[in-house]
Amino acid sequence: MKRAVVDGGGFFALRVRDDRHHAQAAALFQLADDERWALVTTNVVIIEAYSLFLARSRGGPRDAVKFLDALRDTRCRIERIRPRDEERAIALVRAHEDKSYSLCDALSFVVMERLGIKEAIAFDRHFSEYGRFTIP
């Protein structure tokens, strides 16, 4: 079974029709559903995505809450960040000061390593910069 971590931008692109990655995200999530991929995200990514909806979607708070409601209806597993994940993510951003990795992205990298997941549904360059495969 294929496994992938979902980044906040993936959730945002899926739900916001005028996002430039919407068509890709919709097709990708449909493929994941059809092929029954195991999708994983973190509680921190949910916070990031919620903030994206507040700041960038036309519906603001309404869209942000709809996103939270939609999470209940998905097969995406929410992986809670552990204290050791936080320590490793902080060490990672310190070791890569030449990059602009957000702490949220660094936490996703650490969780991917912990769970042995090599692919991410993400539309920013940080995942590929860190050596993670991004879908698409």
N, C-alpha and C. Protein backbone atom coordinates (compact mmCIF):
# COMPACT_ATOMS: atom_id res chain seq x y z
N MET A 1 0.85 -1.19 0.00
CA MET A 1 0.00 0.00 0.00
C MET A 1 0.89 1.24 0.00
N LYS A 2 0.59 2.17 -0.86
CA LYS A 2 1.33 3.42 -0.94
C LYS A 2 0.99 4.28 0.27
N ARG A 3 2.02 4.94 0.81
CA ARG A 3 1.83 5.83 1.96
C ARG A 3 2.40 7.20 1.63
N ALA A 4 1.73 8.23 2.10
CA ALA A 4 2.20 9.60 1.86
C ALA A 4 1.77 10.50 3.00
N VAL A 5 2.62 11.46 3.30
CA VAL A 5 2.30 12.51 4.27
C VAL A 5 1.65 13.65 3.50
N VAL A 6 0.63 14.26 4.08
CA VAL A 6 -0.05 15.40 3.46
C VAL A 6 0.38 16.68 4.17
N ASP A 7 0.88 17.63 3.38
CA ASP A 7 1.29 18.93 3.89
C ASP A 7 0.09 19.89 3.86
N GLY A 8 0.19 20.97 4.59
CA GLY A 8 -0.90 21.95 4.64
C GLY A 8 -1.28 22.50 3.28
N GLY A 9 -0.29 22.72 2.43
CA GLY A 9 -0.57 23.21 1.08
C GLY A 9 -1.37 22.23 0.25
N GLY A 10 -1.18 20.94 0.51
CA GLY A 10 -1.96 19.92 -0.19
C GLY A 10 -3.43 20.01 0.17
N PHE A 11 -3.71 20.15 1.47
CA PHE A 11 -5.10 20.31 1.91
C PHE A 11 -5.71 21.58 1.33
N PHE A 12 -4.94 22.67 1.37
CA PHE A 12 -5.45 23.95 0.89
C PHE A 12 -5.77 23.89 -0.60
N ALA A 13 -4.84 23.36 -1.38
CA ALA A 13 -5.05 23.27 -2.83
C ALA A 13 -6.26 22.40 -3.17
N LEU A 14 -6.48 21.35 -2.40
CA LEU A 14 -7.62 20.48 -2.66
C LEU A 14 -8.94 21.22 -2.49
N ARG A 15 -9.05 22.05 -1.48
CA ARG A 15 -10.33 22.65 -1.13
C ARG A 15 -10.58 24.04 -1.73
N VAL A 16 -9.54 24.68 -2.23
CA VAL A 16 -9.69 26.04 -2.76
C VAL A 16 -9.58 25.99 -4.29
N ARG A 17 -10.70 26.14 -4.95
CA ARG A 17 -10.76 25.95 -6.41
C ARG A 17 -9.91 26.93 -7.20
N ASP A 18 -9.67 28.13 -6.67
CA ASP A 18 -8.85 29.07 -7.43
C ASP A 18 -7.36 29.00 -7.07
N ASP A 19 -6.97 28.04 -6.25
CA ASP A 19 -5.56 27.81 -5.98
C ASP A 19 -4.91 27.26 -7.25
N ARG A 20 -3.68 27.68 -7.53
CA ARG A 20 -3.04 27.25 -8.78
C ARG A 20 -2.75 25.76 -8.83
N HIS A 21 -2.76 25.08 -7.69
CA HIS A 21 -2.50 23.64 -7.65
C HIS A 21 -3.78 22.82 -7.47
N HIS A 22 -4.94 23.47 -7.55
CA HIS A 22 -6.19 22.77 -7.24
C HIS A 22 -6.42 21.55 -8.13
N ALA A 23 -6.27 21.69 -9.42
CA ALA A 23 -6.54 20.55 -10.33
C ALA A 23 -5.62 19.38 -10.02
N GLN A 24 -4.34 19.67 -9.79
CA GLN A 24 -3.39 18.60 -9.44
C GLN A 24 -3.79 17.94 -8.13
N ALA A 25 -4.13 18.76 -7.14
CA ALA A 25 -4.49 18.22 -5.83
C ALA A 25 -5.75 17.37 -5.91
N ALA A 26 -6.75 17.85 -6.63
CA ALA A 26 -8.00 17.09 -6.75
C ALA A 26 -7.76 15.74 -7.41
N ALA A 27 -6.97 15.73 -8.49
CA ALA A 27 -6.67 14.47 -9.18
C ALA A 27 -5.86 13.54 -8.28
N LEU A 28 -4.93 14.11 -7.55
CA LEU A 28 -4.07 13.31 -6.68
C LEU A 28 -4.84 12.69 -5.52
N PHE A 29 -5.68 13.47 -4.87
CA PHE A 29 -6.47 12.93 -3.77
C PHE A 29 -7.48 11.90 -4.27
N GLN A 30 -7.99 12.09 -5.49
CA GLN A 30 -8.90 11.10 -6.07
C GLN A 30 -8.15 9.79 -6.33
N LEU A 31 -6.92 9.89 -6.86
CA LEU A 31 -6.10 8.71 -7.08
C LEU A 31 -5.80 8.01 -5.76
N ALA A 32 -5.45 8.79 -4.75
CA ALA A 32 -5.17 8.23 -3.43
C ALA A 32 -6.38 7.49 -2.88
N ASP A 33 -7.56 8.06 -3.10
CA ASP A 33 -8.79 7.42 -2.65
C ASP A 33 -9.06 6.14 -3.44
N ASP A 34 -8.93 6.22 -4.76
CA ASP A 34 -9.18 5.06 -5.62
C ASP A 34 -8.24 3.90 -5.30
N GLU A 35 -6.97 4.25 -5.04
CA GLU A 35 -5.96 3.21 -4.78
C GLU A 35 -5.79 2.92 -3.29
N ARG A 36 -6.58 3.60 -2.47
CA ARG A 36 -6.60 3.38 -1.02
C ARG A 36 -5.22 3.59 -0.37
N TRP A 37 -4.59 4.71 -0.72
CA TRP A 37 -3.32 5.05 -0.10
C TRP A 37 -3.54 5.29 1.38
N ALA A 38 -2.52 5.05 2.16
CA ALA A 38 -2.53 5.41 3.58
C ALA A 38 -1.98 6.84 3.68
N LEU A 39 -2.86 7.79 3.95
CA LEU A 39 -2.46 9.18 4.08
C LEU A 39 -2.29 9.53 5.55
N VAL A 40 -1.23 10.29 5.83
CA VAL A 40 -0.91 10.68 7.19
C VAL A 40 -0.62 12.17 7.20
N THR A 41 -1.07 12.86 8.22
CA THR A 41 -0.67 14.24 8.44
C THR A 41 -0.37 14.38 9.93
N THR A 42 0.05 15.55 10.34
CA THR A 42 0.32 15.75 11.76
C THR A 42 -0.63 16.80 12.33
N ASN A 43 -0.75 16.79 13.63
CA ASN A 43 -1.57 17.81 14.28
C ASN A 43 -1.03 19.21 14.01
N VAL A 44 0.27 19.34 13.82
CA VAL A 44 0.86 20.65 13.53
C VAL A 44 0.51 21.09 12.11
N VAL A 45 0.49 20.16 11.15
CA VAL A 45 0.08 20.49 9.78
C VAL A 45 -1.37 20.96 9.77
N ILE A 46 -2.20 20.37 10.58
CA ILE A 46 -3.60 20.81 10.66
C ILE A 46 -3.68 22.26 11.11
N ILE A 47 -2.86 22.62 12.09
CA ILE A 47 -2.81 24.01 12.55
C ILE A 47 -2.33 24.92 11.42
N GLU A 48 -1.29 24.47 10.70
CA GLU A 48 -0.77 25.25 9.57
C GLU A 48 -1.85 25.44 8.50
N ALA A 49 -2.53 24.37 8.14
CA ALA A 49 -3.56 24.44 7.10
C ALA A 49 -4.71 25.34 7.55
N TYR A 50 -5.13 25.20 8.79
CA TYR A 50 -6.20 26.05 9.32
C TYR A 50 -5.81 27.53 9.16
N SER A 51 -4.57 27.84 9.49
CA SER A 51 -4.09 29.22 9.36
C SER A 51 -4.07 29.67 7.91
N LEU A 52 -3.71 28.77 6.99
CA LEU A 52 -3.75 29.09 5.56
C LEU A 52 -5.16 29.46 5.12
N PHE A 53 -6.13 28.66 5.55
CA PHE A 53 -7.52 28.96 5.19
C PHE A 53 -7.95 30.30 5.76
N LEU A 54 -7.58 30.59 6.99
CA LEU A 54 -7.94 31.88 7.59
C LEU A 54 -7.36 33.04 6.79
N ALA A 55 -6.10 32.91 6.40
CA ALA A 55 -5.40 34.02 5.78
C ALA A 55 -5.63 34.15 4.27
N ARG A 56 -5.83 33.02 3.58
CA ARG A 56 -5.78 33.08 2.12
C ARG A 56 -7.04 32.66 1.38
N SER A 57 -7.99 32.05 2.06
CA SER A 57 -9.20 31.65 1.33
C SER A 57 -10.23 32.78 1.39
N ARG A 58 -11.06 32.83 0.40
CA ARG A 58 -12.08 33.88 0.35
C ARG A 58 -13.06 33.78 1.51
N GLY A 59 -13.32 32.57 1.95
CA GLY A 59 -14.29 32.36 3.02
C GLY A 59 -13.72 32.53 4.42
N GLY A 60 -12.40 32.72 4.52
CA GLY A 60 -11.75 32.95 5.80
C GLY A 60 -12.13 31.94 6.87
N PRO A 61 -12.66 32.41 8.01
CA PRO A 61 -13.00 31.51 9.12
C PRO A 61 -13.98 30.41 8.73
N ARG A 62 -14.94 30.72 7.86
CA ARG A 62 -15.91 29.71 7.44
C ARG A 62 -15.20 28.55 6.72
N ASP A 63 -14.29 28.87 5.80
CA ASP A 63 -13.55 27.84 5.08
C ASP A 63 -12.62 27.07 6.02
N ALA A 64 -12.04 27.77 6.98
CA ALA A 64 -11.14 27.11 7.93
C ALA A 64 -11.89 26.06 8.75
N VAL A 65 -13.08 26.40 9.20
CA VAL A 65 -13.88 25.45 9.98
C VAL A 65 -14.36 24.30 9.09
N LYS A 66 -14.73 24.60 7.85
CA LYS A 66 -15.14 23.54 6.92
C LYS A 66 -14.00 22.55 6.70
N PHE A 67 -12.77 23.06 6.63
CA PHE A 67 -11.61 22.18 6.51
C PHE A 67 -11.52 21.24 7.70
N LEU A 68 -11.68 21.77 8.90
CA LEU A 68 -11.63 20.92 10.10
C LEU A 68 -12.73 19.87 10.07
N ASP A 69 -13.92 20.27 9.66
CA ASP A 69 -15.03 19.32 9.56
C ASP A 69 -14.74 18.24 8.53
N ALA A 70 -14.15 18.62 7.40
CA ALA A 70 -13.85 17.66 6.33
C ALA A 70 -12.82 16.63 6.78
N LEU A 71 -11.94 17.00 7.68
CA LEU A 71 -10.93 16.05 8.18
C LEU A 71 -11.58 14.83 8.84
N ARG A 72 -12.73 15.06 9.47
CA ARG A 72 -13.41 13.94 10.14
C ARG A 72 -13.92 12.91 9.14
N ASP A 73 -14.15 13.35 7.90
CA ASP A 73 -14.71 12.47 6.88
C ASP A 73 -13.65 11.86 5.96
N THR A 74 -12.39 12.01 6.29
CA THR A 74 -11.33 11.47 5.44
C THR A 74 -10.70 10.26 6.11
N ARG A 75 -9.91 9.56 5.31
CA ARG A 75 -9.16 8.43 5.84
C ARG A 75 -7.74 8.85 6.23
N CYS A 76 -7.49 10.13 6.29
CA CYS A 76 -6.17 10.64 6.63
C CYS A 76 -5.94 10.51 8.14
N ARG A 77 -4.91 9.77 8.49
CA ARG A 77 -4.59 9.57 9.91
C ARG A 77 -3.81 10.77 10.43
N ILE A 78 -4.15 11.21 11.62
CA ILE A 78 -3.45 12.33 12.25
C ILE A 78 -2.43 11.78 13.24
N GLU A 79 -1.16 12.03 12.95
CA GLU A 79 -0.06 11.59 13.80
C GLU A 79 0.31 12.73 14.73
N ARG A 80 0.26 12.48 16.02
CA ARG A 80 0.58 13.51 17.01
C ARG A 80 2.10 13.67 17.12
N ILE A 81 2.53 14.90 17.21
CA ILE A 81 3.95 15.19 17.37
C ILE A 81 4.37 14.80 18.78
N ARG A 82 5.50 14.12 18.85
CA ARG A 82 6.06 13.68 20.14
C ARG A 82 7.16 14.64 20.58
N PRO A 83 7.47 14.67 21.88
CA PRO A 83 8.56 15.53 22.33
C PRO A 83 9.88 15.27 21.59
N ARG A 84 10.18 14.02 21.32
CA ARG A 84 11.42 13.69 20.58
C ARG A 84 11.36 14.23 19.15
N ASP A 85 10.18 14.23 18.54
CA ASP A 85 10.03 14.82 17.20
C ASP A 85 10.39 16.30 17.24
N GLU A 86 9.92 17.00 18.27
CA GLU A 86 10.22 18.42 18.41
C GLU A 86 11.72 18.65 18.52
N GLU A 87 12.37 17.85 19.36
CA GLU A 87 13.82 17.99 19.54
C GLU A 87 14.55 17.77 18.22
N ARG A 88 14.17 16.74 17.49
CA ARG A 88 14.82 16.43 16.22
C ARG A 88 14.54 17.50 15.18
N ALA A 89 13.34 18.04 15.15
CA ALA A 89 13.00 19.09 14.18
C ALA A 89 13.79 20.37 14.46
N ILE A 90 13.94 20.72 15.71
CA ILE A 90 14.72 21.91 16.06
C ILE A 90 16.18 21.71 15.67
N ALA A 91 16.71 20.52 15.92
CA ALA A 91 18.08 20.21 15.50
C ALA A 91 18.22 20.28 13.98
N LEU A 92 17.19 19.83 13.29
CA LEU A 92 17.21 19.84 11.82
C LEU A 92 17.25 21.27 11.28
N VAL A 93 16.42 22.17 11.80
CA VAL A 93 16.45 23.54 11.29
C VAL A 93 17.75 24.24 11.66
N ARG A 94 18.33 23.89 12.79
CA ARG A 94 19.65 24.45 13.15
C ARG A 94 20.72 23.97 12.17
N ALA A 95 20.65 22.70 11.80
CA ALA A 95 21.64 22.12 10.90
C ALA A 95 21.48 22.61 9.46
N HIS A 96 20.33 23.17 9.14
CA HIS A 96 20.04 23.63 7.78
C HIS A 96 19.68 25.12 7.78
N GLU A 97 20.49 25.92 8.45
CA GLU A 97 20.21 27.36 8.53
C GLU A 97 20.23 28.04 7.17
N ASP A 98 20.85 27.39 6.18
CA ASP A 98 20.89 27.95 4.84
C ASP A 98 19.57 27.77 4.09
N LYS A 99 18.65 27.00 4.67
CA LYS A 99 17.34 26.75 4.08
C LYS A 99 16.28 27.50 4.88
N SER A 100 15.14 27.71 4.27
CA SER A 100 14.06 28.40 4.97
C SER A 100 12.96 27.42 5.39
N TYR A 101 13.38 26.26 5.92
CA TYR A 101 12.40 25.27 6.37
C TYR A 101 11.60 25.83 7.54
N SER A 102 10.29 25.72 7.45
CA SER A 102 9.48 26.08 8.61
C SER A 102 9.61 24.96 9.64
N LEU A 103 9.32 25.28 10.87
CA LEU A 103 9.35 24.24 11.90
C LEU A 103 8.29 23.19 11.60
N CYS A 104 7.18 23.60 11.04
CA CYS A 104 6.13 22.66 10.65
C CYS A 104 6.65 21.66 9.61
N ASP A 105 7.35 22.17 8.57
CA ASP A 105 7.92 21.27 7.57
C ASP A 105 8.95 20.34 8.20
N ALA A 106 9.81 20.89 9.06
CA ALA A 106 10.82 20.07 9.71
C ALA A 106 10.17 18.96 10.55
N LEU A 107 9.09 19.28 11.22
CA LEU A 107 8.37 18.25 11.98
C LEU A 107 7.82 17.18 11.04
N SER A 108 7.33 17.59 9.88
CA SER A 108 6.85 16.60 8.91
C SER A 108 7.99 15.71 8.44
N PHE A 109 9.17 16.29 8.18
CA PHE A 109 10.32 15.48 7.75
C PHE A 109 10.66 14.44 8.81
N VAL A 110 10.68 14.87 10.06
CA VAL A 110 11.02 13.98 11.17
C VAL A 110 9.98 12.86 11.30
N VAL A 111 8.72 13.19 11.19
CA VAL A 111 7.66 12.18 11.28
C VAL A 111 7.76 11.22 10.10
N MET A 112 8.05 11.74 8.92
CA MET A 112 8.23 10.87 7.75
C MET A 112 9.35 9.87 8.01
N GLU A 113 10.45 10.34 8.57
CA GLU A 113 11.56 9.45 8.88
C GLU A 113 11.15 8.42 9.93
N ARG A 114 10.47 8.88 10.96
CA ARG A 114 10.07 7.96 12.04
C ARG A 114 9.13 6.87 11.52
N LEU A 115 8.23 7.24 10.62
CA LEU A 115 7.25 6.29 10.11
C LEU A 115 7.71 5.56 8.85
N GLY A 116 8.86 5.94 8.32
CA GLY A 116 9.37 5.30 7.11
C GLY A 116 8.60 5.67 5.86
N ILE A 117 8.07 6.89 5.82
CA ILE A 117 7.31 7.37 4.66
C ILE A 117 8.23 8.26 3.83
N LYS A 118 8.30 7.98 2.55
CA LYS A 118 9.22 8.70 1.68
C LYS A 118 8.56 9.72 0.76
N GLU A 119 7.25 9.74 0.70
CA GLU A 119 6.55 10.63 -0.22
C GLU A 119 5.61 11.57 0.52
N ALA A 120 5.41 12.73 -0.10
CA ALA A 120 4.52 13.73 0.50
C ALA A 120 3.66 14.38 -0.57
N ILE A 121 2.43 14.66 -0.23
CA ILE A 121 1.57 15.48 -1.07
C ILE A 121 1.82 16.91 -0.60
N ALA A 122 2.68 17.58 -1.35
CA ALA A 122 3.13 18.92 -0.96
C ALA A 122 3.41 19.72 -2.23
N PHE A 123 3.18 21.00 -2.17
CA PHE A 123 3.40 21.86 -3.33
C PHE A 123 4.47 22.91 -3.08
N ASP A 124 5.24 22.76 -2.02
CA ASP A 124 6.35 23.68 -1.83
C ASP A 124 7.67 22.93 -2.04
N ARG A 125 8.72 23.69 -2.29
CA ARG A 125 10.01 23.10 -2.65
C ARG A 125 10.75 22.47 -1.48
N HIS A 126 10.35 22.77 -0.26
CA HIS A 126 11.13 22.32 0.90
C HIS A 126 11.21 20.80 1.02
N PHE A 127 10.14 20.11 0.68
CA PHE A 127 10.17 18.65 0.80
C PHE A 127 11.19 18.05 -0.16
N SER A 128 11.21 18.52 -1.39
CA SER A 128 12.18 17.98 -2.35
C SER A 128 13.59 18.46 -2.01
N GLU A 129 13.74 19.69 -1.51
CA GLU A 129 15.05 20.17 -1.08
C GLU A 129 15.63 19.27 0.01
N TYR A 130 14.77 18.80 0.88
CA TYR A 130 15.24 17.96 1.98
C TYR A 130 15.45 16.51 1.53
N GLY A 131 15.09 16.20 0.31
CA GLY A 131 15.30 14.84 -0.19
C GLY A 131 14.10 13.94 -0.07
N ARG A 132 12.94 14.53 0.13
CA ARG A 132 11.70 13.76 0.17
C ARG A 132 11.04 13.88 -1.20
N PHE A 133 10.47 12.80 -1.65
CA PHE A 133 9.77 12.82 -2.93
C PHE A 133 8.43 13.49 -2.73
N THR A 134 8.11 14.38 -3.63
CA THR A 134 6.79 15.00 -3.55
C THR A 134 5.92 14.47 -4.68
N ILE A 135 4.68 14.32 -4.37
CA ILE A 135 3.68 13.92 -5.36
C ILE A 135 2.80 15.15 -5.55
N PRO A 136 2.68 15.73 -6.65
CA PRO A 136 3.14 15.29 -7.97
C PRO A 136 4.60 15.56 -8.17
